[in-house]
């Protein structure tokens, strides 16, 4: 039998979510079956998976040691021999307090595992917090990301270090109280007076099978289309491209990439929505291997209501393109 007591720091979670963290190797149907049979109890009583756990609640898992080890989090870790290099990787911390953590994610790293990659940003954050003794070692709570970035998009990813922090960030992103800004290098030009933000609107449809998005700008569109908006501000220009500050007003997968492409301004280096000729030129001249998109600023308030501005320096591969194309200016956050 294994016993876990909910603390003030880990209260407020649903029982089924806690069990999925404690027993990630067990399926949902198996866990609910164990709840029905009282092989898993809360305060020695039968409990529903939707129950919200409070400080002082005690979860008891009436499994044999062998069965518990089979499903437990410890048994799901990758083979240390295959991940020794990854275990040494430390996340780039931009800001941290008791509840919140903001990381500068590099391009080429998933935020969460997908079964193909052995490491991800969430795992790196978990190891960092464990090494710094800043996490709940029972496994009842794990720091999780509050926002998502594509695999080849760099920049700020927000994590809740505590239940309070996680719930706070989730509410802020859901209510769009957080202002999200990206740097994007786009083809052509977007006429707009200096320091003015132009709003782009469209109707978004995601093709999950192809993992692509399509934007409609006219009245003819599928009934399932969702309205999306971007604010764009040109920062610097040359005769071929424009560096934009992009204000993400609605957040959908691939939205910035697809919406700018639909507006006639595909991102530099974008393999899905970009211009093949221009991408080839930038790859040859600057070895650019991914879309030029960087989540560089979040503006919000911390849990105590104080203004908080988190900025991620632009990575070297993107800075190289800007300097080579004579688009660099003071004020652009440099690595």
Protein backbone atom coordinates (compact mmCIF):
# COMPACT_ATOMS: atom_id res chain seq x y z
CA UNK A 1 0.00 0.00 0.00
CA UNK A 2 1.21 3.51 -0.88
CA UNK A 3 -0.02 6.62 0.93
CA UNK A 4 0.08 10.25 -0.20
CA UNK A 5 -1.12 13.29 1.76
CA UNK A 6 -2.29 16.42 -0.03
CA UNK A 7 -0.59 19.58 1.22
CA UNK A 8 -1.63 23.21 0.91
CA UNK A 9 0.78 23.52 -2.03
CA UNK A 10 -0.72 20.58 -3.93
CA UNK A 11 -4.41 21.05 -3.09
CA UNK A 12 -7.01 22.06 -5.68
CA UNK A 13 -6.26 19.29 -8.17
CA UNK A 14 -8.73 16.70 -9.44
CA UNK A 15 -8.14 13.19 -8.15
CA UNK A 16 -7.91 11.67 -11.64
CA UNK A 17 -5.21 14.18 -12.63
CA UNK A 18 -3.17 13.37 -9.52
CA UNK A 19 -3.47 9.65 -10.19
CA UNK A 20 -2.28 10.14 -13.77
CA UNK A 21 0.85 11.82 -12.39
CA UNK A 22 1.46 9.16 -9.75
CA UNK A 23 0.68 6.26 -12.09
CA UNK A 24 1.44 7.43 -15.65
CA UNK A 25 1.79 3.84 -16.85
CA UNK A 26 -1.84 3.05 -15.98
CA UNK A 27 -4.67 3.79 -18.40
CA UNK A 28 -7.66 5.95 -17.50
CA UNK A 29 -10.12 3.02 -17.58
CA UNK A 30 -7.86 1.01 -15.25
CA UNK A 31 -7.65 3.87 -12.76
CA UNK A 32 -11.44 4.31 -12.70
CA UNK A 33 -11.86 0.58 -12.23
CA UNK A 34 -9.51 0.73 -9.22
CA UNK A 35 -11.54 3.63 -7.81
CA UNK A 36 -14.80 1.70 -8.20
CA UNK A 37 -13.30 -1.34 -6.45
CA UNK A 38 -11.84 0.85 -3.67
CA UNK A 39 -8.30 -0.23 -4.54
CA UNK A 40 -7.67 3.51 -4.55
CA UNK A 41 -9.33 5.54 -1.78
CA UNK A 42 -9.39 9.06 -0.40
CA UNK A 43 -9.59 9.31 3.38
CA UNK A 44 -10.34 5.56 3.34
CA UNK A 45 -13.56 6.21 1.39
CA UNK A 46 -14.59 5.40 -2.16
CA UNK A 47 -13.92 8.45 -4.33
CA UNK A 48 -14.83 9.76 -7.76
CA UNK A 49 -12.10 10.76 -10.20
CA UNK A 50 -13.57 14.27 -10.51
CA UNK A 51 -13.17 14.95 -6.79
CA UNK A 52 -11.20 18.11 -5.99
CA UNK A 53 -8.53 17.28 -3.44
CA UNK A 54 -8.02 19.52 -0.41
CA UNK A 55 -5.18 19.98 2.03
CA UNK A 56 -5.10 17.06 4.48
CA UNK A 57 -6.77 14.53 2.16
CA UNK A 58 -5.00 11.17 2.11
CA UNK A 59 -4.81 9.01 -1.00
CA UNK A 60 -4.16 5.33 -0.40
CA UNK A 61 -3.26 3.04 -3.29
CA UNK A 62 -3.85 -0.58 -2.30
CA UNK A 63 -1.54 -2.22 -4.84
CA UNK A 64 1.21 -4.74 -4.33
CA UNK A 65 4.71 -3.27 -4.56
CA UNK A 66 5.22 -5.01 -7.90
CA UNK A 67 2.01 -3.60 -9.40
CA UNK A 68 2.74 -0.10 -8.09
CA UNK A 69 6.26 -0.14 -9.56
CA UNK A 70 4.86 -1.28 -12.91
CA UNK A 71 2.66 1.80 -13.25
CA UNK A 72 4.53 4.40 -11.20
CA UNK A 73 6.25 7.53 -12.51
CA UNK A 74 9.67 6.20 -11.53
CA UNK A 75 9.24 3.19 -13.82
CA UNK A 76 8.31 5.39 -16.82
CA UNK A 77 11.62 7.29 -16.94
CA UNK A 78 13.81 6.70 -20.02
CA UNK A 79 16.90 4.54 -19.77
CA UNK A 80 19.57 6.67 -18.13
CA UNK A 81 22.18 5.24 -20.49
CA UNK A 82 20.31 6.77 -23.44
CA UNK A 83 19.73 10.19 -21.90
CA UNK A 84 22.93 11.06 -19.99
CA UNK A 85 23.65 14.05 -22.26
CA UNK A 86 20.07 15.31 -22.06
CA UNK A 87 20.04 15.09 -18.27
CA UNK A 88 22.82 17.69 -18.14
CA UNK A 89 20.81 20.24 -20.16
CA UNK A 90 19.58 23.12 -18.02
CA UNK A 91 16.65 25.33 -19.11
CA UNK A 92 17.33 28.99 -19.81
CA UNK A 93 15.46 30.71 -16.95
CA UNK A 94 14.24 34.21 -17.81
CA UNK A 95 12.24 34.91 -14.65
CA UNK A 96 11.30 32.94 -11.54
CA UNK A 97 9.42 33.55 -8.31
CA UNK A 98 7.71 31.26 -5.78
CA UNK A 99 4.86 30.38 -8.16
CA UNK A 100 5.89 31.25 -11.73
CA UNK A 101 8.73 30.23 -14.03
CA UNK A 102 9.46 31.56 -17.52
CA UNK A 103 11.86 29.68 -19.79
CA UNK A 104 13.50 30.66 -23.09
CA UNK A 105 12.80 27.59 -25.23
CA UNK A 106 15.31 26.91 -28.01
CA UNK A 107 14.15 25.92 -31.48
CA UNK A 108 14.25 22.19 -32.09
CA UNK A 109 12.88 21.21 -28.68
CA UNK A 110 9.37 19.99 -27.91
CA UNK A 111 7.55 21.43 -24.93
CA UNK A 112 6.01 18.03 -24.10
CA UNK A 113 7.02 14.50 -25.19
CA UNK A 114 5.48 12.98 -28.32
CA UNK A 115 6.84 9.43 -28.19
CA UNK A 116 9.53 10.12 -30.81
CA UNK A 117 11.84 12.42 -28.83
CA UNK A 118 13.42 11.36 -25.55
CA UNK A 119 13.67 14.85 -24.08
CA UNK A 120 11.43 17.90 -23.90
CA UNK A 121 11.27 21.26 -22.15
CA UNK A 122 8.83 20.01 -19.49
CA UNK A 123 11.26 17.24 -18.53
CA UNK A 124 14.14 19.73 -18.34
CA UNK A 125 12.07 22.02 -16.10
CA UNK A 126 11.14 19.08 -13.87
CA UNK A 127 14.80 18.11 -13.45
CA UNK A 128 15.79 21.72 -12.78
CA UNK A 129 13.18 22.14 -10.05
CA UNK A 130 14.11 18.79 -8.50
CA UNK A 131 17.82 19.65 -8.47
CA UNK A 132 17.10 23.02 -6.91
CA UNK A 133 14.75 21.37 -4.38
CA UNK A 134 11.89 23.58 -5.59
CA UNK A 135 9.34 20.89 -6.35
CA UNK A 136 6.99 18.48 -4.64
CA UNK A 137 8.91 15.20 -4.45
CA UNK A 138 5.80 13.05 -3.83
CA UNK A 139 4.88 13.26 -7.51
CA UNK A 140 1.42 14.65 -6.69
CA UNK A 141 2.19 17.90 -8.51
CA UNK A 142 4.44 18.53 -11.51
CA UNK A 143 5.20 21.87 -13.09
CA UNK A 144 3.45 22.14 -16.43
CA UNK A 145 3.50 24.59 -19.36
CA UNK A 146 0.77 27.21 -19.61
CA UNK A 147 1.38 28.02 -23.28
CA UNK A 148 2.65 26.17 -26.35
CA UNK A 149 5.24 26.92 -29.02
CA UNK A 150 5.89 24.93 -32.19
CA UNK A 151 8.92 22.61 -32.24
CA UNK A 152 10.94 25.05 -34.39
CA UNK A 153 9.71 28.26 -32.74
CA UNK A 154 11.93 29.71 -30.02
CA UNK A 155 11.04 31.93 -27.09
CA UNK A 156 9.13 32.30 -23.85
CA UNK A 157 7.27 29.39 -22.31
CA UNK A 158 5.46 29.92 -19.00
CA UNK A 159 5.28 27.28 -16.25
CA UNK A 160 3.38 27.17 -12.98
CA UNK A 161 5.72 25.95 -10.23
CA UNK A 162 2.79 25.44 -7.85
CA UNK A 163 -0.90 24.65 -8.18
CA UNK A 164 -1.60 28.29 -7.45
CA UNK A 165 0.82 29.40 -10.16
CA UNK A 166 -0.48 26.88 -12.68
CA UNK A 167 -4.11 27.87 -12.13
CA UNK A 168 -3.24 31.57 -12.22
CA UNK A 169 -1.44 31.30 -15.56
CA UNK A 170 -4.19 29.13 -17.05
CA UNK A 171 -6.77 31.77 -16.11
CA UNK A 172 -4.65 34.63 -17.47
CA UNK A 173 -4.08 32.93 -20.82
CA UNK A 174 -7.72 31.84 -21.05
CA UNK A 175 -8.98 35.37 -20.40
CA UNK A 176 -6.29 36.83 -22.72
CA UNK A 177 -5.03 39.09 -19.96
CA UNK A 178 -1.44 38.35 -21.00
CA UNK A 179 -0.06 40.32 -23.93
CA UNK A 180 2.01 38.04 -26.21
CA UNK A 181 4.53 39.47 -28.66
CA UNK A 182 6.65 37.72 -31.29
CA UNK A 183 9.40 38.80 -33.67
CA UNK A 184 8.83 37.58 -37.23
CA UNK A 185 10.68 38.18 -40.49
CA UNK A 186 8.14 38.26 -43.32
CA UNK A 187 8.37 38.53 -47.09
CA UNK A 188 7.44 41.83 -48.75
CA UNK A 189 6.19 44.82 -46.82
CA UNK A 190 3.15 45.75 -44.74
CA UNK A 191 2.36 49.44 -45.19
CA UNK A 192 1.80 50.98 -41.79
CA UNK A 193 2.92 54.22 -40.17
CA UNK A 194 5.74 54.02 -37.64
CA UNK A 195 4.81 52.47 -34.29
CA UNK A 196 1.22 51.78 -35.43
CA UNK A 197 -0.29 48.33 -35.06
CA UNK A 198 -2.22 47.00 -38.03
CA UNK A 199 -4.87 44.36 -37.22
CA UNK A 200 -5.10 41.35 -39.52
CA UNK A 201 -8.30 39.31 -39.35
CA UNK A 202 -9.26 35.99 -40.87
CA UNK A 203 -11.08 32.73 -40.38
CA UNK A 204 -9.06 29.73 -39.25
CA UNK A 205 -9.48 26.01 -39.92
CA UNK A 206 -7.00 23.38 -38.68
CA UNK A 207 -6.33 20.21 -40.67
CA UNK A 208 -5.25 17.85 -37.90
CA UNK A 209 -4.39 15.02 -40.26
CA UNK A 210 -1.93 17.15 -42.24
CA UNK A 211 -0.99 19.33 -39.22
CA UNK A 212 -1.58 22.51 -41.20
CA UNK A 213 -3.86 25.52 -40.86
CA UNK A 214 -5.81 27.36 -43.53
CA UNK A 215 -6.98 30.96 -43.40
CA UNK A 216 -10.06 32.36 -45.14
CA UNK A 217 -10.42 36.09 -45.58
CA UNK A 218 -13.63 36.31 -47.64
CA UNK A 219 -17.26 35.57 -46.91
CA UNK A 220 -17.00 32.02 -48.30
CA UNK A 221 -15.63 29.84 -45.51
CA UNK A 222 -16.44 26.54 -43.75
CA UNK A 223 -18.98 26.65 -40.96
CA UNK A 224 -16.30 25.34 -38.58
CA UNK A 225 -13.96 28.30 -39.22
CA UNK A 226 -12.91 30.35 -36.17
CA UNK A 227 -12.19 34.08 -36.32
CA UNK A 228 -8.55 34.94 -35.54
CA UNK A 229 -6.70 38.24 -35.17
CA UNK A 230 -3.11 39.44 -35.22
CA UNK A 231 -1.64 42.86 -34.56
CA UNK A 232 1.47 43.58 -36.66
CA UNK A 233 3.91 46.49 -36.34
CA UNK A 234 6.77 46.89 -38.85
CA UNK A 235 10.06 47.52 -37.06
CA UNK A 236 12.63 47.61 -39.88
CA UNK A 237 12.52 46.98 -43.63
CA UNK A 238 14.74 46.33 -46.63
CA UNK A 239 13.77 45.97 -50.29
CA UNK A 240 12.64 42.36 -49.85
CA UNK A 241 11.36 41.81 -46.31
CA UNK A 242 10.06 43.35 -43.12
CA UNK A 243 10.79 42.58 -39.48
CA UNK A 244 7.51 42.57 -37.58
CA UNK A 245 6.47 42.76 -33.98
CA UNK A 246 3.47 40.44 -33.90
CA UNK A 247 0.85 40.84 -31.18
CA UNK A 248 -0.98 37.52 -30.88
CA UNK A 249 -4.55 38.53 -30.07
CA UNK A 250 -6.00 35.03 -30.50
CA UNK A 251 -3.94 31.90 -30.09
CA UNK A 252 -4.27 28.96 -32.49
CA UNK A 253 -1.77 26.37 -33.66
CA UNK A 254 0.33 27.77 -36.56
CA UNK A 255 -1.83 30.92 -36.54
CA UNK A 256 0.96 33.48 -37.06
CA UNK A 257 2.62 31.41 -39.78
CA UNK A 258 -0.59 30.64 -41.67
CA UNK A 259 -2.21 34.06 -41.26
CA UNK A 260 0.81 36.02 -42.47
CA UNK A 261 1.20 33.63 -45.43
CA UNK A 262 -2.48 34.07 -46.30
CA UNK A 263 -1.95 37.84 -46.23
CA UNK A 264 0.88 37.46 -48.76
CA UNK A 265 3.73 37.74 -46.25
CA UNK A 266 5.08 34.26 -45.47
CA UNK A 267 7.73 33.88 -42.79
CA UNK A 268 11.38 33.46 -43.65
CA UNK A 269 12.47 29.82 -43.50
CA UNK A 270 8.96 28.44 -43.02
CA UNK A 271 8.85 24.99 -44.69
CA UNK A 272 5.04 24.69 -44.60
CA UNK A 273 3.73 28.12 -45.49
CA UNK A 274 6.81 29.91 -46.82
CA UNK A 275 8.25 30.97 -50.17
CA UNK A 276 10.58 28.23 -51.45
CA UNK A 277 12.85 30.56 -53.44
CA UNK A 278 13.34 33.01 -50.59
CA UNK A 279 13.82 30.19 -48.07
CA UNK A 280 16.52 28.68 -50.27
CA UNK A 281 18.37 31.99 -50.49
CA UNK A 282 18.33 32.48 -46.70
CA UNK A 283 19.42 28.89 -46.12
CA UNK A 284 22.41 29.31 -48.43
CA UNK A 285 23.47 32.72 -47.10
CA UNK A 286 22.76 32.30 -43.37
CA UNK A 287 22.19 28.58 -42.83
CA UNK A 288 18.63 29.36 -41.66
CA UNK A 289 16.99 25.99 -40.99
CA UNK A 290 13.63 26.97 -39.47
CA UNK A 291 10.90 29.58 -39.54
CA UNK A 292 11.93 33.03 -38.35
CA UNK A 293 9.55 33.27 -35.40
CA UNK A 294 10.53 34.06 -31.82
CA UNK A 295 8.21 34.56 -28.82
CA UNK A 296 10.13 37.45 -27.31
CA UNK A 297 7.88 39.20 -24.80
CA UNK A 298 5.04 38.53 -22.35
CA UNK A 299 3.42 41.41 -20.47
CA UNK A 300 1.27 40.44 -17.48
CA UNK A 301 0.86 40.87 -13.75
CA UNK A 302 2.29 38.46 -11.22
CA UNK A 303 0.11 36.74 -8.65
CA UNK A 304 0.43 39.75 -6.33
CA UNK A 305 -0.73 42.13 -9.04
CA UNK A 306 2.63 43.74 -9.85
CA UNK A 307 3.44 44.42 -13.54
CA UNK A 308 5.73 41.78 -15.02
CA UNK A 309 7.48 41.98 -18.39
CA UNK A 310 9.46 38.94 -19.50
CA UNK A 311 11.77 39.28 -22.52
CA UNK A 312 13.66 36.52 -24.33
CA UNK A 313 16.81 37.57 -26.23
CA UNK A 314 16.69 36.69 -29.91
CA UNK A 315 18.76 33.55 -30.64
CA UNK A 316 21.95 33.60 -32.68
CA UNK A 317 20.58 31.97 -35.84
CA UNK A 318 17.91 34.66 -36.22
CA UNK A 319 20.24 37.51 -35.21
CA UNK A 320 22.63 36.39 -37.97
CA UNK A 321 19.89 36.82 -40.58
CA UNK A 322 18.89 40.27 -39.32
CA UNK A 323 22.44 41.57 -39.32
CA UNK A 324 23.19 40.11 -42.74
CA UNK A 325 20.02 41.64 -44.19
CA UNK A 326 20.77 45.03 -42.58
CA UNK A 327 17.60 44.80 -40.48
CA UNK A 328 19.19 45.01 -37.05
CA UNK A 329 18.49 48.11 -34.97
CA UNK A 330 19.10 49.06 -31.33
CA UNK A 331 16.25 47.89 -29.13
CA UNK A 332 15.89 44.45 -30.67
CA UNK A 333 16.65 42.01 -27.80
CA UNK A 334 19.98 40.38 -28.74
CA UNK A 335 21.29 37.06 -27.48
